[in-house]
C-alpha atoms as a PDB file:
ATOM      1  CA  UNK A   1     155.208 101.131 103.668  1.00  0.00           C
ATOM      2  CA  UNK A   2     155.555 103.512 100.860  1.00  0.00           C
ATOM      3  CA  UNK A   3     157.063 106.994 101.070  1.00  0.00           C
ATOM      4  CA  UNK A   4     153.667 108.475 100.285  1.00  0.00           C
ATOM      5  CA  UNK A   5     152.314 107.063 103.577  1.00  0.00           C
ATOM      6  CA  UNK A   6     154.784 109.137 105.556  1.00  0.00           C
ATOM      7  CA  UNK A   7     154.191 112.177 103.373  1.00  0.00           C
ATOM      8  CA  UNK A   8     150.450 112.012 104.112  1.00  0.00           C
ATOM      9  CA  UNK A   9     150.888 111.174 107.793  1.00  0.00           C
ATOM     10  CA  UNK A  10     153.525 113.799 108.529  1.00  0.00           C
ATOM     11  CA  UNK A  11     152.917 116.614 106.041  1.00  0.00           C
ATOM     12  CA  UNK A  12     155.333 119.148 107.601  1.00  0.00           C
ATOM     13  CA  UNK A  13     158.530 117.142 107.322  1.00  0.00           C
ATOM     14  CA  UNK A  14     160.025 119.210 104.540  1.00  0.00           C
ATOM     15  CA  UNK A  15     162.937 121.399 105.559  1.00  0.00           C
ATOM     16  CA  UNK A  16     161.262 124.585 104.343  1.00  0.00           C
ATOM     17  CA  UNK A  17     157.795 123.889 105.818  1.00  0.00           C
ATOM     18  CA  UNK A  18     156.614 126.761 108.071  1.00  0.00           C
ATOM     19  CA  UNK A  19     155.293 124.395 110.765  1.00  0.00           C
ATOM     20  CA  UNK A  20     158.588 122.584 111.247  1.00  0.00           C
ATOM     21  CA  UNK A  21     160.253 123.354 114.564  1.00  0.00           C
ATOM     22  CA  UNK A  22     163.787 122.589 113.414  1.00  0.00           C
ATOM     23  CA  UNK A  23     166.911 121.755 115.344  1.00  0.00           C
ATOM     24  CA  UNK A  24     166.626 124.777 117.608  1.00  0.00           C
ATOM     25  CA  UNK A  25     163.063 123.868 118.544  1.00  0.00           C
ATOM     26  CA  UNK A  26     164.044 120.301 119.377  1.00  0.00           C
ATOM     27  CA  UNK A  27     166.964 121.547 121.466  1.00  0.00           C
ATOM     28  CA  UNK A  28     164.764 124.013 123.362  1.00  0.00           C
ATOM     29  CA  UNK A  29     162.130 121.327 123.975  1.00  0.00           C
ATOM     30  CA  UNK A  30     164.745 118.955 125.431  1.00  0.00           C
ATOM     31  CA  UNK A  31     166.221 121.783 127.495  1.00  0.00           C
ATOM     32  CA  UNK A  32     162.788 122.694 128.875  1.00  0.00           C
ATOM     33  CA  UNK A  33     162.108 119.048 129.741  1.00  0.00           C
ATOM     34  CA  UNK A  34     165.456 118.775 131.535  1.00  0.00           C
ATOM     35  CA  UNK A  35     164.776 121.992 133.473  1.00  0.00           C
ATOM     36  CA  UNK A  36     161.389 120.693 134.618  1.00  0.00           C
ATOM     37  CA  UNK A  37     162.956 117.412 135.775  1.00  0.00           C
ATOM     38  CA  UNK A  38     165.747 119.179 137.686  1.00  0.00           C
ATOM     39  CA  UNK A  39     163.211 121.452 139.384  1.00  0.00           C
ATOM     40  CA  UNK A  40     161.032 118.479 140.322  1.00  0.00           C
ATOM     41  CA  UNK A  41     163.968 116.496 141.697  1.00  0.00           C
ATOM     42  CA  UNK A  42     165.127 119.417 143.844  1.00  0.00           C
ATOM     43  CA  UNK A  43     161.664 119.941 145.326  1.00  0.00           C
ATOM     44  CA  UNK A  44     160.713 116.333 146.024  1.00  0.00           C
ATOM     45  CA  UNK A  45     161.088 114.741 149.428  1.00  0.00           C
ATOM     46  CA  UNK A  46     163.248 111.647 149.500  1.00  0.00           C
ATOM     47  CA  UNK A  47     161.786 110.293 152.732  1.00  0.00           C
ATOM     48  CA  UNK A  48     158.082 110.601 153.390  1.00  0.00           C
ATOM     49  CA  UNK A  49     157.237 112.418 156.627  1.00  0.00           C
ATOM     50  CA  UNK A  50     155.676 109.295 158.119  1.00  0.00           C
ATOM     51  CA  UNK A  51     158.757 107.274 157.111  1.00  0.00           C
ATOM     52  CA  UNK A  52     160.635 108.755 160.055  1.00  0.00           C
ATOM     53  CA  UNK A  53     157.993 107.374 162.393  1.00  0.00           C
ATOM     54  CA  UNK A  54     158.283 103.939 160.806  1.00  0.00           C
ATOM     55  CA  UNK A  55     162.059 104.035 161.321  1.00  0.00           C
ATOM     56  CA  UNK A  56     161.462 105.004 164.967  1.00  0.00           C
ATOM     57  CA  UNK A  57     159.136 102.033 165.364  1.00  0.00           C
ATOM     58  CA  UNK A  58     161.633  99.763 163.588  1.00  0.00           C
ATOM     59  CA  UNK A  59     164.353 100.804 166.031  1.00  0.00           C
ATOM     60  CA  UNK A  60     162.005 100.041 168.904  1.00  0.00           C
ATOM     61  CA  UNK A  61     161.331  96.590 167.439  1.00  0.00           C
ATOM     62  CA  UNK A  62     165.014  95.898 166.754  1.00  0.00           C
ATOM     63  CA  UNK A  63     166.102  96.870 170.264  1.00  0.00           C
ATOM     64  CA  UNK A  64     163.010  95.210 171.838  1.00  0.00           C
ATOM     65  CA  UNK A  65     161.767  98.457 173.375  1.00  0.00           C
ATOM     66  CA  UNK A  66     158.114  97.477 173.223  1.00  0.00           C
ATOM     67  CA  UNK A  67     156.894 100.374 175.374  1.00  0.00           C
ATOM     68  CA  UNK A  68     158.423 102.868 172.902  1.00  0.00           C
ATOM     69  CA  UNK A  69     156.771 101.197 169.929  1.00  0.00           C
ATOM     70  CA  UNK A  70     153.792 103.556 169.804  1.00  0.00           C
ATOM     71  CA  UNK A  71     155.363 106.561 171.512  1.00  0.00           C
ATOM     72  CA  UNK A  72     155.725 108.419 168.219  1.00  0.00           C
ATOM     73  CA  UNK A  73     152.827 110.004 166.347  1.00  0.00           C
ATOM     74  CA  UNK A  74     151.625 106.691 164.901  1.00  0.00           C
ATOM     75  CA  UNK A  75     149.457 104.863 167.401  1.00  0.00           C
ATOM     76  CA  UNK A  76     149.377 101.585 165.481  1.00  0.00           C
ATOM     77  CA  UNK A  77     151.984  99.165 164.221  1.00  0.00           C
ATOM     78  CA  UNK A  78     151.968  98.132 160.573  1.00  0.00           C
ATOM     79  CA  UNK A  79     154.202  95.696 158.740  1.00  0.00           C
ATOM     80  CA  UNK A  80     156.620  98.421 157.574  1.00  0.00           C
ATOM     81  CA  UNK A  81     158.594  98.687 160.843  1.00  0.00           C
ATOM     82  CA  UNK A  82     159.075  94.926 160.863  1.00  0.00           C
ATOM     83  CA  UNK A  83     160.366  95.003 157.282  1.00  0.00           C
ATOM     84  CA  UNK A  84     162.664  97.931 158.066  1.00  0.00           C
ATOM     85  CA  UNK A  85     164.121  96.203 161.123  1.00  0.00           C
ATOM     86  CA  UNK A  86     164.697  93.071 159.008  1.00  0.00           C
ATOM     87  CA  UNK A  87     166.366  95.243 156.362  1.00  0.00           C
ATOM     88  CA  UNK A  88     168.610  96.767 159.011  1.00  0.00           C
ATOM     89  CA  UNK A  89     170.116  93.348 159.595  1.00  0.00           C
ATOM     90  CA  UNK A  90     171.187  93.280 155.929  1.00  0.00           C
ATOM     91  CA  UNK A  91     172.236  96.912 155.345  1.00  0.00           C
ATOM     92  CA  UNK A  92     173.300  98.064 158.849  1.00  0.00           C
ATOM     93  CA  UNK A  93     171.903 101.534 158.079  1.00  0.00           C
ATOM     94  CA  UNK A  94     168.376 102.648 158.923  1.00  0.00           C
ATOM     95  CA  UNK A  95     167.826 104.863 155.903  1.00  0.00           C
ATOM     96  CA  UNK A  96     168.958 102.179 153.463  1.00  0.00           C
ATOM     97  CA  UNK A  97     166.829  99.600 155.281  1.00  0.00           C
ATOM     98  CA  UNK A  98     163.780 101.839 154.953  1.00  0.00           C
END
């Protein structure tokens, strides 16, 4: 690739070009991106609201409380509580198992 290819592809790469954003522009762009990511991470739920119900069902499966299996807001049993109760055997903590 010749230098003329880059000159034609990126015409505003000269230091004095008016369209160049410069070091300050790059810094502000990275800072804005970091601020958006911090805001998103602070306002994102770690556990889904229905995840609590799956943990409740997993506890019922683990302790063989079959009558309490559908006593929470979920009236059906999916595979997730079975996987969580199997994960509890490995991690010994319900949140980590989920």
